[in-house]
Amino acid sequence: MESIKTKDVQKALDRFLNRDVYLHLETTTGSYAALSGEDKMAVVAYIRNGRIKYHQGQITGNGPYRVGLKLEDGWVYAEGLTDWELRKEQDQLLLAGYDKDGQLAVALELSSKPFPCN
């Protein structure tokens, strides 16, 4: 993965417009703190292979970034994104946000085919 370049990420988001795509979205904020013994509540959200179709996708911010996907009846968004990768051969867009210690805090991934569920 590399640091987000908003123009490149926007082009990648546009590749998936108005298509049925599979969504992987997770937040792990707090999980690492709970494991390290800090007195913090673990907070996790996770969805894998949710099928969506969005008609507007946009990246905003000055870093870390936010990506919003406008669905027919609502929104999906992730905030705190720092890195990205476009895997053209797999038709996948991977976005992630890492904290100051390099721990994953948020991931938003899109794919034309379901992600593996290992």
PDB file of N, CA and C in Angstrom:
ATOM      1  N   MET A   1       0.848  -1.179   0.000  1.00  0.00           N
ATOM      2  CA  MET A   1       0.000   0.000   0.000  1.00  0.00           C
ATOM      3  C   MET A   1       0.889   1.236   0.000  1.00  0.00           C
ATOM      4  N   GLU A   2       0.311   2.334  -0.450  1.00  0.00           N
ATOM      5  CA  GLU A   2       1.037   3.602  -0.446  1.00  0.00           C
ATOM      6  C   GLU A   2       0.146   4.692   0.115  1.00  0.00           C
ATOM      7  N   SER A   3       0.756   5.814   0.454  1.00  0.00           N
ATOM      8  CA  SER A   3      -0.008   6.947   0.981  1.00  0.00           C
ATOM      9  C   SER A   3      -1.038   7.409  -0.037  1.00  0.00           C
ATOM     10  N   ILE A   4      -2.174   7.832   0.469  1.00  0.00           N
ATOM     11  CA  ILE A   4      -3.278   8.261  -0.395  1.00  0.00           C
ATOM     12  C   ILE A   4      -2.898   9.495  -1.197  1.00  0.00           C
ATOM     13  N   LYS A   5      -3.192   9.430  -2.482  1.00  0.00           N
ATOM     14  CA  LYS A   5      -3.171  10.571  -3.399  1.00  0.00           C
ATOM     15  C   LYS A   5      -4.614  10.731  -3.848  1.00  0.00           C
ATOM     16  N   THR A   6      -5.255  11.818  -3.423  1.00  0.00           N
ATOM     17  CA  THR A   6      -6.706  11.934  -3.579  1.00  0.00           C
ATOM     18  C   THR A   6      -7.166  11.810  -5.028  1.00  0.00           C
ATOM     19  N   LYS A   7      -6.449  12.390  -5.972  1.00  0.00           N
ATOM     20  CA  LYS A   7      -6.879  12.308  -7.379  1.00  0.00           C
ATOM     21  C   LYS A   7      -6.864  10.867  -7.880  1.00  0.00           C
ATOM     22  N   ASP A   8      -5.852  10.098  -7.478  1.00  0.00           N
ATOM     23  CA  ASP A   8      -5.770   8.700  -7.898  1.00  0.00           C
ATOM     24  C   ASP A   8      -6.858   7.857  -7.241  1.00  0.00           C
ATOM     25  N   VAL A   9      -7.109   8.098  -5.959  1.00  0.00           N
ATOM     26  CA  VAL A   9      -8.170   7.357  -5.269  1.00  0.00           C
ATOM     27  C   VAL A   9      -9.529   7.707  -5.865  1.00  0.00           C
ATOM     28  N   GLN A  10      -9.749   8.984  -6.194  1.00  0.00           N
ATOM     29  CA  GLN A  10     -11.021   9.376  -6.796  1.00  0.00           C
ATOM     30  C   GLN A  10     -11.240   8.646  -8.123  1.00  0.00           C
ATOM     31  N   LYS A  11     -10.212   8.546  -8.936  1.00  0.00           N
ATOM     32  CA  LYS A  11     -10.320   7.807 -10.205  1.00  0.00           C
ATOM     33  C   LYS A  11     -10.657   6.344  -9.942  1.00  0.00           C
ATOM     34  N   ALA A  12     -10.047   5.770  -8.922  1.00  0.00           N
ATOM     35  CA  ALA A  12     -10.313   4.371  -8.587  1.00  0.00           C
ATOM     36  C   ALA A  12     -11.753   4.195  -8.092  1.00  0.00           C
ATOM     37  N   LEU A  13     -12.240   5.126  -7.274  1.00  0.00           N
ATOM     38  CA  LEU A  13     -13.637   5.056  -6.826  1.00  0.00           C
ATOM     39  C   LEU A  13     -14.590   5.124  -8.008  1.00  0.00           C
ATOM     40  N   ASP A  14     -14.274   5.956  -8.978  1.00  0.00           N
ATOM     41  CA  ASP A  14     -15.133   6.111 -10.154  1.00  0.00           C
ATOM     42  C   ASP A  14     -15.206   4.839 -10.989  1.00  0.00           C
ATOM     43  N   ARG A  15     -14.189   3.981 -10.912  1.00  0.00           N
ATOM     44  CA  ARG A  15     -14.190   2.702 -11.643  1.00  0.00           C
ATOM     45  C   ARG A  15     -15.346   1.805 -11.217  1.00  0.00           C
ATOM     46  N   PHE A  16     -15.787   1.951  -9.966  1.00  0.00           N
ATOM     47  CA  PHE A  16     -16.798   1.059  -9.402  1.00  0.00           C
ATOM     48  C   PHE A  16     -18.207   1.663  -9.389  1.00  0.00           C
ATOM     49  N   LEU A  17     -18.352   2.880  -9.908  1.00  0.00           N
ATOM     50  CA  LEU A  17     -19.658   3.550  -9.914  1.00  0.00           C
ATOM     51  C   LEU A  17     -20.710   2.720 -10.643  1.00  0.00           C
ATOM     52  N   ASN A  18     -21.914   2.691 -10.070  1.00  0.00           N
ATOM     53  CA  ASN A  18     -23.093   2.075 -10.701  1.00  0.00           C
ATOM     54  C   ASN A  18     -22.881   0.608 -11.053  1.00  0.00           C
ATOM     55  N   ARG A  19     -22.066  -0.074 -10.274  1.00  0.00           N
ATOM     56  CA  ARG A  19     -21.837  -1.504 -10.447  1.00  0.00           C
ATOM     57  C   ARG A  19     -22.153  -2.213  -9.137  1.00  0.00           C
ATOM     58  N   ASP A  20     -22.609  -3.446  -9.225  1.00  0.00           N
ATOM     59  CA  ASP A  20     -22.712  -4.267  -8.024  1.00  0.00           C
ATOM     60  C   ASP A  20     -21.295  -4.627  -7.605  1.00  0.00           C
ATOM     61  N   VAL A  21     -20.926  -4.258  -6.390  1.00  0.00           N
ATOM     62  CA  VAL A  21     -19.594  -4.562  -5.876  1.00  0.00           C
ATOM     63  C   VAL A  21     -19.729  -5.125  -4.461  1.00  0.00           C
ATOM     64  N   TYR A  22     -18.688  -5.803  -4.047  1.00  0.00           N
ATOM     65  CA  TYR A  22     -18.637  -6.367  -2.706  1.00  0.00           C
ATOM     66  C   TYR A  22     -17.837  -5.428  -1.812  1.00  0.00           C
ATOM     67  N   LEU A  23     -18.359  -5.226  -0.626  1.00  0.00           N
ATOM     68  CA  LEU A  23     -17.788  -4.295   0.335  1.00  0.00           C
ATOM     69  C   LEU A  23     -17.193  -5.052   1.515  1.00  0.00           C
ATOM     70  N   HIS A  24     -15.989  -4.688   1.870  1.00  0.00           N
ATOM     71  CA  HIS A  24     -15.405  -5.087   3.152  1.00  0.00           C
ATOM     72  C   HIS A  24     -15.161  -3.792   3.912  1.00  0.00           C
ATOM     73  N   LEU A  25     -15.732  -3.681   5.097  1.00  0.00           N
ATOM     74  CA  LEU A  25     -15.571  -2.490   5.923  1.00  0.00           C
ATOM     75  C   LEU A  25     -15.362  -2.945   7.357  1.00  0.00           C
ATOM     76  N   GLU A  26     -14.297  -2.464   7.963  1.00  0.00           N
ATOM     77  CA  GLU A  26     -14.067  -2.792   9.365  1.00  0.00           C
ATOM     78  C   GLU A  26     -13.387  -1.640  10.075  1.00  0.00           C
ATOM     79  N   THR A  27     -13.714  -1.540  11.338  1.00  0.00           N
ATOM     80  CA  THR A  27     -12.991  -0.638  12.227  1.00  0.00           C
ATOM     81  C   THR A  27     -12.456  -1.488  13.357  1.00  0.00           C
ATOM     82  N   THR A  28     -11.279  -1.171  13.792  1.00  0.00           N
ATOM     83  CA  THR A  28     -10.683  -1.915  14.896  1.00  0.00           C
ATOM     84  C   THR A  28     -10.203  -0.964  15.975  1.00  0.00           C
ATOM     85  N   THR A  29     -10.711   0.235  15.969  1.00  0.00           N
ATOM     86  CA  THR A  29     -10.322   1.209  16.986  1.00  0.00           C
ATOM     87  C   THR A  29     -10.633   0.645  18.367  1.00  0.00           C
ATOM     88  N   GLY A  30      -9.637   0.611  19.202  1.00  0.00           N
ATOM     89  CA  GLY A  30      -9.848   0.122  20.559  1.00  0.00           C
ATOM     90  C   GLY A  30      -9.429  -1.313  20.764  1.00  0.00           C
ATOM     91  N   SER A  31      -9.446  -2.126  19.732  1.00  0.00           N
ATOM     92  CA  SER A  31      -9.103  -3.537  19.893  1.00  0.00           C
ATOM     93  C   SER A  31      -7.680  -3.708  20.380  1.00  0.00           C
ATOM     94  N   TYR A  32      -6.755  -2.977  19.785  1.00  0.00           N
ATOM     95  CA  TYR A  32      -5.359  -3.100  20.171  1.00  0.00           C
ATOM     96  C   TYR A  32      -5.133  -2.567  21.583  1.00  0.00           C
ATOM     97  N   ALA A  33      -5.851  -1.500  21.940  1.00  0.00           N
ATOM     98  CA  ALA A  33      -5.730  -0.957  23.290  1.00  0.00           C
ATOM     99  C   ALA A  33      -6.211  -1.983  24.313  1.00  0.00           C
ATOM    100  N   ALA A  34      -7.306  -2.651  24.018  1.00  0.00           N
ATOM    101  CA  ALA A  34      -7.836  -3.655  24.941  1.00  0.00           C
ATOM    102  C   ALA A  34      -6.863  -4.818  25.089  1.00  0.00           C
ATOM    103  N   LEU A  35      -6.243  -5.215  23.996  1.00  0.00           N
ATOM    104  CA  LEU A  35      -5.290  -6.316  24.049  1.00  0.00           C
ATOM    105  C   LEU A  35      -4.024  -5.942  24.802  1.00  0.00           C
ATOM    106  N   SER A  36      -3.661  -4.671  24.770  1.00  0.00           N
ATOM    107  CA  SER A  36      -2.425  -4.240  25.430  1.00  0.00           C
ATOM    108  C   SER A  36      -2.622  -4.007  26.920  1.00  0.00           C
ATOM    109  N   GLY A  37      -3.842  -4.211  27.403  1.00  0.00           N
ATOM    110  CA  GLY A  37      -4.091  -4.065  28.824  1.00  0.00           C
ATOM    111  C   GLY A  37      -4.496  -2.668  29.252  1.00  0.00           C
ATOM    112  N   GLU A  38      -4.590  -1.732  28.309  1.00  0.00           N
ATOM    113  CA  GLU A  38      -5.046  -0.390  28.665  1.00  0.00           C
ATOM    114  C   GLU A  38      -6.506  -0.461  29.089  1.00  0.00           C
ATOM    115  N   ASP A  39      -6.914   0.476  29.902  1.00  0.00           N
ATOM    116  CA  ASP A  39      -8.282   0.501  30.406  1.00  0.00           C
ATOM    117  C   ASP A  39      -9.192   1.222  29.409  1.00  0.00           C
ATOM    118  N   LYS A  40      -9.357   0.599  28.229  1.00  0.00           N
ATOM    119  CA  LYS A  40     -10.218   1.155  27.197  1.00  0.00           C
ATOM    120  C   LYS A  40     -11.154   0.070  26.694  1.00  0.00           C
ATOM    121  N   MET A  41     -12.327   0.482  26.310  1.00  0.00           N
ATOM    122  CA  MET A  41     -13.292  -0.456  25.760  1.00  0.00           C
ATOM    123  C   MET A  41     -12.922  -0.779  24.310  1.00  0.00           C
ATOM    124  N   ALA A  42     -12.957  -2.049  23.958  1.00  0.00           N
ATOM    125  CA  ALA A  42     -12.722  -2.449  22.572  1.00  0.00           C
ATOM    126  C   ALA A  42     -13.967  -2.133  21.754  1.00  0.00           C
ATOM    127  N   VAL A  43     -13.767  -1.493  20.608  1.00  0.00           N
ATOM    128  CA  VAL A  43     -14.863  -1.152  19.709  1.00  0.00           C
ATOM    129  C   VAL A  43     -14.505  -1.688  18.329  1.00  0.00           C
ATOM    130  N   VAL A  44     -15.373  -2.542  17.778  1.00  0.00           N
ATOM    131  CA  VAL A  44     -15.097  -3.160  16.491  1.00  0.00           C
ATOM    132  C   VAL A  44     -16.389  -3.189  15.685  1.00  0.00           C
ATOM    133  N   ALA A  45     -16.294  -2.892  14.386  1.00  0.00           N
ATOM    134  CA  ALA A  45     -17.396  -3.084  13.444  1.00  0.00           C
ATOM    135  C   ALA A  45     -16.823  -3.810  12.234  1.00  0.00           C
ATOM    136  N   TYR A  46     -17.600  -4.724  11.666  1.00  0.00           N
ATOM    137  CA  TYR A  46     -17.066  -5.570  10.597  1.00  0.00           C
ATOM    138  C   TYR A  46     -18.186  -6.016   9.668  1.00  0.00           C
ATOM    139  N   ILE A  47     -17.972  -5.886   8.370  1.00  0.00           N
ATOM    140  CA  ILE A  47     -18.850  -6.467   7.355  1.00  0.00           C
ATOM    141  C   ILE A  47     -17.948  -6.971   6.238  1.00  0.00           C
ATOM    142  N   ARG A  48     -18.246  -8.148   5.738  1.00  0.00           N
ATOM    143  CA  ARG A  48     -17.453  -8.751   4.665  1.00  0.00           C
ATOM    144  C   ARG A  48     -18.417  -9.246   3.602  1.00  0.00           C
ATOM    145  N   ASN A  49     -18.183  -8.830   2.376  1.00  0.00           N
ATOM    146  CA  ASN A  49     -18.971  -9.247   1.218  1.00  0.00           C
ATOM    147  C   ASN A  49     -20.416  -8.763   1.245  1.00  0.00           C
ATOM    148  N   GLY A  50     -20.620  -7.577   1.807  1.00  0.00           N
ATOM    149  CA  GLY A  50     -21.908  -6.921   1.651  1.00  0.00           C
ATOM    150  C   GLY A  50     -21.972  -6.391   0.221  1.00  0.00           C
ATOM    151  N   ARG A  51     -23.015  -6.727  -0.500  1.00  0.00           N
ATOM    152  CA  ARG A  51     -23.107  -6.285  -1.893  1.00  0.00           C
ATOM    153  C   ARG A  51     -23.824  -4.939  -1.940  1.00  0.00           C
ATOM    154  N   ILE A  52     -23.175  -3.980  -2.589  1.00  0.00           N
ATOM    155  CA  ILE A  52     -23.725  -2.628  -2.690  1.00  0.00           C
ATOM    156  C   ILE A  52     -23.581  -2.123  -4.127  1.00  0.00           C
ATOM    157  N   LYS A  53     -24.300  -1.058  -4.423  1.00  0.00           N
ATOM    158  CA  LYS A  53     -24.131  -0.308  -5.669  1.00  0.00           C
ATOM    159  C   LYS A  53     -24.211   1.163  -5.284  1.00  0.00           C
ATOM    160  N   TYR A  54     -23.175   1.918  -5.613  1.00  0.00           N
ATOM    161  CA  TYR A  54     -23.194   3.339  -5.277  1.00  0.00           C
ATOM    162  C   TYR A  54     -23.163   4.173  -6.556  1.00  0.00           C
ATOM    163  N   HIS A  55     -23.831   5.310  -6.482  1.00  0.00           N
ATOM    164  CA  HIS A  55     -23.895   6.189  -7.651  1.00  0.00           C
ATOM    165  C   HIS A  55     -23.070   7.453  -7.465  1.00  0.00           C
ATOM    166  N   GLN A  56     -22.463   7.579  -6.292  1.00  0.00           N
ATOM    167  CA  GLN A  56     -21.525   8.672  -6.050  1.00  0.00           C
ATOM    168  C   GLN A  56     -20.495   8.174  -5.052  1.00  0.00           C
ATOM    169  N   GLY A  57     -19.232   8.377  -5.366  1.00  0.00           N
ATOM    170  CA  GLY A  57     -18.159   8.028  -4.445  1.00  0.00           C
ATOM    171  C   GLY A  57     -17.197   9.200  -4.387  1.00  0.00           C
ATOM    172  N   GLN A  58     -16.816   9.578  -3.173  1.00  0.00           N
ATOM    173  CA  GLN A  58     -15.982  10.768  -3.056  1.00  0.00           C
ATOM    174  C   GLN A  58     -14.996  10.627  -1.909  1.00  0.00           C
ATOM    175  N   ILE A  59     -13.779  11.100  -2.139  1.00  0.00           N
ATOM    176  CA  ILE A  59     -12.774  11.186  -1.090  1.00  0.00           C
ATOM    177  C   ILE A  59     -12.612  12.649  -0.707  1.00  0.00           C
ATOM    178  N   THR A  60     -12.572  12.919   0.599  1.00  0.00           N
ATOM    179  CA  THR A  60     -12.446  14.291   1.094  1.00  0.00           C
ATOM    180  C   THR A  60     -11.434  14.333   2.227  1.00  0.00           C
ATOM    181  N   GLY A  61     -11.006  15.528   2.565  1.00  0.00           N
ATOM    182  CA  GLY A  61     -10.116  15.748   3.689  1.00  0.00           C
ATOM    183  C   GLY A  61      -8.708  16.085   3.250  1.00  0.00           C
ATOM    184  N   ASN A  62      -7.887  16.366   4.254  1.00  0.00           N
ATOM    185  CA  ASN A  62      -6.491  16.715   4.030  1.00  0.00           C
ATOM    186  C   ASN A  62      -5.545  15.660   4.599  1.00  0.00           C
ATOM    187  N   GLY A  63      -6.088  14.576   5.067  1.00  0.00           N
ATOM    188  CA  GLY A  63      -5.321  13.488   5.636  1.00  0.00           C
ATOM    189  C   GLY A  63      -5.318  13.555   7.151  1.00  0.00           C
ATOM    190  N   PRO A  64      -5.721  12.452   7.778  1.00  0.00           N
ATOM    191  CA  PRO A  64      -6.358  11.293   7.174  1.00  0.00           C
ATOM    192  C   PRO A  64      -7.641  11.680   6.427  1.00  0.00           C
ATOM    193  N   TYR A  65      -8.061  10.797   5.541  1.00  0.00           N
ATOM    194  CA  TYR A  65      -9.134  11.107   4.600  1.00  0.00           C
ATOM    195  C   TYR A  65     -10.421  10.361   4.937  1.00  0.00           C
ATOM    196  N   ARG A  66     -11.506  10.844   4.332  1.00  0.00           N
ATOM    197  CA  ARG A  66     -12.815  10.197   4.435  1.00  0.00           C
ATOM    198  C   ARG A  66     -13.259   9.810   3.033  1.00  0.00           C
ATOM    199  N   VAL A  67     -13.820   8.615   2.908  1.00  0.00           N
ATOM    200  CA  VAL A  67     -14.446   8.188   1.664  1.00  0.00           C
ATOM    201  C   VAL A  67     -15.911   7.923   1.948  1.00  0.00           C
ATOM    202  N   GLY A  68     -16.774   8.538   1.140  1.00  0.00           N
ATOM    203  CA  GLY A  68     -18.211   8.324   1.241  1.00  0.00           C
ATOM    204  C   GLY A  68     -18.740   7.721  -0.042  1.00  0.00           C
ATOM    205  N   LEU A  69     -19.630   6.758   0.102  1.00  0.00           N
ATOM    206  CA  LEU A  69     -20.276   6.106  -1.035  1.00  0.00           C
ATOM    207  C   LEU A  69     -21.776   6.311  -0.899  1.00  0.00           C
ATOM    208  N   LYS A  70     -22.385   7.020  -1.848  1.00  0.00           N
ATOM    209  CA  LYS A  70     -23.818   7.318  -1.812  1.00  0.00           C
ATOM    210  C   LYS A  70     -24.576   6.180  -2.474  1.00  0.00           C
ATOM    211  N   LEU A  71     -25.383   5.495  -1.671  1.00  0.00           N
ATOM    212  CA  LEU A  71     -26.224   4.403  -2.150  1.00  0.00           C
ATOM    213  C   LEU A  71     -27.595   4.951  -2.518  1.00  0.00           C
ATOM    214  N   GLU A  72     -28.426   4.113  -3.071  1.00  0.00           N
ATOM    215  CA  GLU A  72     -29.779   4.555  -3.427  1.00  0.00           C
ATOM    216  C   GLU A  72     -30.528   5.072  -2.195  1.00  0.00           C
ATOM    217  N   ASP A  73     -30.368   4.393  -1.059  1.00  0.00           N
ATOM    218  CA  ASP A  73     -31.124   4.753   0.141  1.00  0.00           C
ATOM    219  C   ASP A  73     -30.263   5.143   1.337  1.00  0.00           C
ATOM    220  N   GLY A  74     -29.027   5.531   1.112  1.00  0.00           N
ATOM    221  CA  GLY A  74     -28.194   5.898   2.255  1.00  0.00           C
ATOM    222  C   GLY A  74     -26.737   6.063   1.881  1.00  0.00           C
ATOM    223  N   TRP A  75     -25.892   5.957   2.881  1.00  0.00           N
ATOM    224  CA  TRP A  75     -24.457   6.176   2.709  1.00  0.00           C
ATOM    225  C   TRP A  75     -23.653   5.083   3.395  1.00  0.00           C
ATOM    226  N   VAL A  76     -22.476   4.846   2.860  1.00  0.00           N
ATOM    227  CA  VAL A  76     -21.413   4.104   3.533  1.00  0.00           C
ATOM    228  C   VAL A  76     -20.238   5.061   3.574  1.00  0.00           C
ATOM    229  N   TYR A  77     -19.605   5.188   4.729  1.00  0.00           N
ATOM    230  CA  TYR A  77     -18.393   6.006   4.734  1.00  0.00           C
ATOM    231  C   TYR A  77     -17.401   5.473   5.759  1.00  0.00           C
ATOM    232  N   ALA A  78     -16.164   5.798   5.485  1.00  0.00           N
ATOM    233  CA  ALA A  78     -15.070   5.454   6.394  1.00  0.00           C
ATOM    234  C   ALA A  78     -14.201   6.690   6.545  1.00  0.00           C
ATOM    235  N   GLU A  79     -13.796   6.953   7.768  1.00  0.00           N
ATOM    236  CA  GLU A  79     -12.952   8.112   8.061  1.00  0.00           C
ATOM    237  C   GLU A  79     -11.669   7.645   8.737  1.00  0.00           C
ATOM    238  N   GLY A  80     -10.582   8.363   8.483  1.00  0.00           N
ATOM    239  CA  GLY A  80      -9.300   8.023   9.076  1.00  0.00           C
ATOM    240  C   GLY A  80      -8.401   7.251   8.127  1.00  0.00           C
ATOM    241  N   LEU A  81      -8.695   7.318   6.832  1.00  0.00           N
ATOM    242  CA  LEU A  81      -7.941   6.561   5.827  1.00  0.00           C
ATOM    243  C   LEU A  81      -6.611   7.240   5.516  1.00  0.00           C
ATOM    244  N   THR A  82      -5.572   6.425   5.393  1.00  0.00           N
ATOM    245  CA  THR A  82      -4.224   6.954   5.157  1.00  0.00           C
ATOM    246  C   THR A  82      -3.529   6.326   3.952  1.00  0.00           C
ATOM    247  N   ASP A  83      -3.895   5.093   3.597  1.00  0.00           N
ATOM    248  CA  ASP A  83      -3.174   4.342   2.575  1.00  0.00           C
ATOM    249  C   ASP A  83      -4.148   3.679   1.600  1.00  0.00           C
ATOM    250  N   TRP A  84      -3.612   3.331   0.434  1.00  0.00           N
ATOM    251  CA  TRP A  84      -4.482   2.712  -0.565  1.00  0.00           C
ATOM    252  C   TRP A  84      -3.682   1.847  -1.522  1.00  0.00           C
ATOM    253  N   GLU A  85      -4.448   1.007  -2.256  1.00  0.00           N
ATOM    254  CA  GLU A  85      -3.872   0.173  -3.313  1.00  0.00           C
ATOM    255  C   GLU A  85      -4.991  -0.198  -4.279  1.00  0.00           C
ATOM    256  N   LEU A  86      -4.728  -0.062  -5.556  1.00  0.00           N
ATOM    257  CA  LEU A  86      -5.652  -0.513  -6.585  1.00  0.00           C
ATOM    258  C   LEU A  86      -5.069  -1.777  -7.197  1.00  0.00           C
ATOM    259  N   ARG A  87      -5.805  -2.858  -7.088  1.00  0.00           N
ATOM    260  CA  ARG A  87      -5.387  -4.128  -7.683  1.00  0.00           C
ATOM    261  C   ARG A  87      -6.214  -4.341  -8.942  1.00  0.00           C
ATOM    262  N   LYS A  88      -5.707  -3.834 -10.055  1.00  0.00           N
ATOM    263  CA  LYS A  88      -6.461  -3.887 -11.305  1.00  0.00           C
ATOM    264  C   LYS A  88      -6.751  -5.312 -11.745  1.00  0.00           C
ATOM    265  N   GLU A  89      -5.763  -6.210 -11.599  1.00  0.00           N
ATOM    266  CA  GLU A  89      -5.947  -7.578 -12.061  1.00  0.00           C
ATOM    267  C   GLU A  89      -7.044  -8.306 -11.281  1.00  0.00           C
ATOM    268  N   GLN A  90      -7.267  -7.948 -10.007  1.00  0.00           N
ATOM    269  CA  GLN A  90      -8.358  -8.528  -9.218  1.00  0.00           C
ATOM    270  C   GLN A  90      -9.597  -7.640  -9.195  1.00  0.00           C
ATOM    271  N   ASP A  91      -9.516  -6.467  -9.814  1.00  0.00           N
ATOM    272  CA  ASP A  91     -10.601  -5.489  -9.806  1.00  0.00           C
ATOM    273  C   ASP A  91     -10.997  -5.147  -8.367  1.00  0.00           C
ATOM    274  N   GLN A  92      -9.985  -4.740  -7.565  1.00  0.00           N
ATOM    275  CA  GLN A  92     -10.192  -4.417  -6.162  1.00  0.00           C
ATOM    276  C   GLN A  92      -9.558  -3.073  -5.820  1.00  0.00           C
ATOM    277  N   LEU A  93     -10.235  -2.347  -4.952  1.00  0.00           N
ATOM    278  CA  LEU A  93      -9.706  -1.117  -4.370  1.00  0.00           C
ATOM    279  C   LEU A  93      -9.600  -1.330  -2.869  1.00  0.00           C
ATOM    280  N   LEU A  94      -8.418  -1.151  -2.326  1.00  0.00           N
ATOM    281  CA  LEU A  94      -8.179  -1.335  -0.896  1.00  0.00           C
ATOM    282  C   LEU A  94      -7.778   0.000  -0.285  1.00  0.00           C
ATOM    283  N   LEU A  95      -8.472   0.389   0.756  1.00  0.00           N
ATOM    284  CA  LEU A  95      -8.180   1.616   1.497  1.00  0.00           C
ATOM    285  C   LEU A  95      -8.041   1.251   2.967  1.00  0.00           C
ATOM    286  N   ALA A  96      -7.065   1.840   3.641  1.00  0.00           N
ATOM    287  CA  ALA A  96      -6.842   1.537   5.054  1.00  0.00           C
ATOM    288  C   ALA A  96      -6.405   2.787   5.788  1.00  0.00           C
ATOM    289  N   GLY A  97      -6.650   2.785   7.072  1.00  0.00           N
ATOM    290  CA  GLY A  97      -6.190   3.846   7.946  1.00  0.00           C
ATOM    291  C   GLY A  97      -5.401   3.252   9.095  1.00  0.00           C
ATOM    292  N   TYR A  98      -4.188   3.762   9.290  1.00  0.00           N
ATOM    293  CA  TYR A  98      -3.307   3.277  10.351  1.00  0.00           C
ATOM    294  C   TYR A  98      -3.088   4.376  11.374  1.00  0.00           C
ATOM    295  N   ASP A  99      -3.009   3.986  12.638  1.00  0.00           N
ATOM    296  CA  ASP A  99      -2.761   4.976  13.684  1.00  0.00           C
ATOM    297  C   ASP A  99      -1.266   5.295  13.769  1.00  0.00           C
ATOM    298  N   LYS A 100      -0.904   6.137  14.711  1.00  0.00           N
ATOM    299  CA  LYS A 100       0.491   6.591  14.828  1.00  0.00           C
ATOM    300  C   LYS A 100       1.449   5.455  15.161  1.00  0.00           C
ATOM    301  N   ASP A 101       0.921   4.350  15.678  1.00  0.00           N
ATOM    302  CA  ASP A 101       1.756   3.188  16.006  1.00  0.00           C
ATOM    303  C   ASP A 101       1.776   2.157  14.879  1.00  0.00           C
ATOM    304  N   GLY A 102       1.118   2.481  13.758  1.00  0.00           N
ATOM    305  CA  GLY A 102       1.098   1.564  12.628  1.00  0.00           C
ATOM    306  C   GLY A 102       0.055   0.466  12.725  1.00  0.00           C
ATOM    307  N   GLN A 103      -0.864   0.583  13.674  1.00  0.00           N
ATOM    308  CA  GLN A 103      -1.927  -0.406  13.830  1.00  0.00           C
ATOM    309  C   GLN A 103      -3.114  -0.039  12.943  1.00  0.00           C
ATOM    310  N   LEU A 104      -3.727  -1.044  12.336  1.00  0.00           N
ATOM    311  CA  LEU A 104      -4.898  -0.816  11.499  1.00  0.00           C
ATOM    312  C   LEU A 104      -6.048  -0.290  12.347  1.00  0.00           C
ATOM    313  N   ALA A 105      -6.658   0.807  11.916  1.00  0.00           N
ATOM    314  CA  ALA A 105      -7.797   1.387  12.616  1.00  0.00           C
ATOM    315  C   ALA A 105      -9.080   1.267  11.796  1.00  0.00           C
ATOM    316  N   VAL A 106      -8.959   1.312  10.463  1.00  0.00           N
ATOM    317  CA  VAL A 106     -10.131   1.245   9.597  1.00  0.00           C
ATOM    318  C   VAL A 106      -9.713   0.696   8.238  1.00  0.00           C
ATOM    319  N   ALA A 107     -10.608  -0.066   7.621  1.00  0.00           N
ATOM    320  CA  ALA A 107     -10.386  -0.560   6.258  1.00  0.00           C
ATOM    321  C   ALA A 107     -11.693  -0.476   5.493  1.00  0.00           C
ATOM    322  N   LEU A 108     -11.611  -0.035   4.242  1.00  0.00           N
ATOM    323  CA  LEU A 108     -12.735  -0.025   3.319  1.00  0.00           C
ATOM    324  C   LEU A 108     -12.202  -0.599   2.015  1.00  0.00           C
ATOM    325  N   GLU A 109     -12.805  -1.703   1.571  1.00  0.00           N
ATOM    326  CA  GLU A 109     -12.332  -2.373   0.370  1.00  0.00           C
ATOM    327  C   GLU A 109     -13.514  -2.676  -0.535  1.00  0.00           C
ATOM    328  N   LEU A 110     -13.287  -2.539  -1.841  1.00  0.00           N
ATOM    329  CA  LEU A 110     -14.304  -2.830  -2.844  1.00  0.00           C
ATOM    330  C   LEU A 110     -13.750  -3.846  -3.831  1.00  0.00           C
ATOM    331  N   SER A 111     -14.628  -4.739  -4.300  1.00  0.00           N
ATOM    332  CA  SER A 111     -14.209  -5.768  -5.241  1.00  0.00           C
ATOM    333  C   SER A 111     -15.381  -6.160  -6.127  1.00  0.00           C
ATOM    334  N   SER A 112     -15.071  -6.489  -7.383  1.00  0.00           N
ATOM    335  CA  SER A 112     -16.120  -6.962  -8.290  1.00  0.00           C
ATOM    336  C   SER A 112     -16.507  -8.408  -7.990  1.00  0.00           C
ATOM    337  N   LYS A 113     -15.653  -9.134  -7.241  1.00  0.00           N
ATOM    338  CA  LYS A 113     -15.928 -10.520  -6.839  1.00  0.00           C
ATOM    339  C   LYS A 113     -15.855 -10.607  -5.330  1.00  0.00           C
ATOM    340  N   PRO A 114     -16.549 -11.579  -4.726  1.00  0.00           N
ATOM    341  CA  PRO A 114     -16.505 -11.697  -3.261  1.00  0.00           C
ATOM    342  C   PRO A 114     -15.071 -11.869  -2.758  1.00  0.00           C
ATOM    343  N   PHE A 115     -14.815 -11.296  -1.588  1.00  0.00           N
ATOM    344  CA  PHE A 115     -13.541 -11.483  -0.902  1.00  0.00           C
ATOM    345  C   PHE A 115     -13.518 -12.879  -0.293  1.00  0.00           C
ATOM    346  N   PRO A 116     -12.352 -13.497  -0.185  1.00  0.00           N
ATOM    347  CA  PRO A 116     -12.271 -14.795   0.480  1.00  0.00           C
ATOM    348  C   PRO A 116     -12.714 -14.699   1.935  1.00  0.00           C
ATOM    349  N   CYS A 117     -13.363 -15.706   2.426  1.00  0.00           N
ATOM    350  CA  CYS A 117     -13.801 -15.744   3.829  1.00  0.00           C
ATOM    351  C   CYS A 117     -13.073 -16.899   4.512  1.00  0.00           C
ATOM    352  N   ASN A 118     -11.821 -16.687   4.829  1.00  0.00           N
ATOM    353  CA  ASN A 118     -11.007 -17.736   5.459  1.00  0.00           C
ATOM    354  C   ASN A 118     -11.191 -17.700   6.948  1.00  0.00           C
TER     355      ASN A 118
END
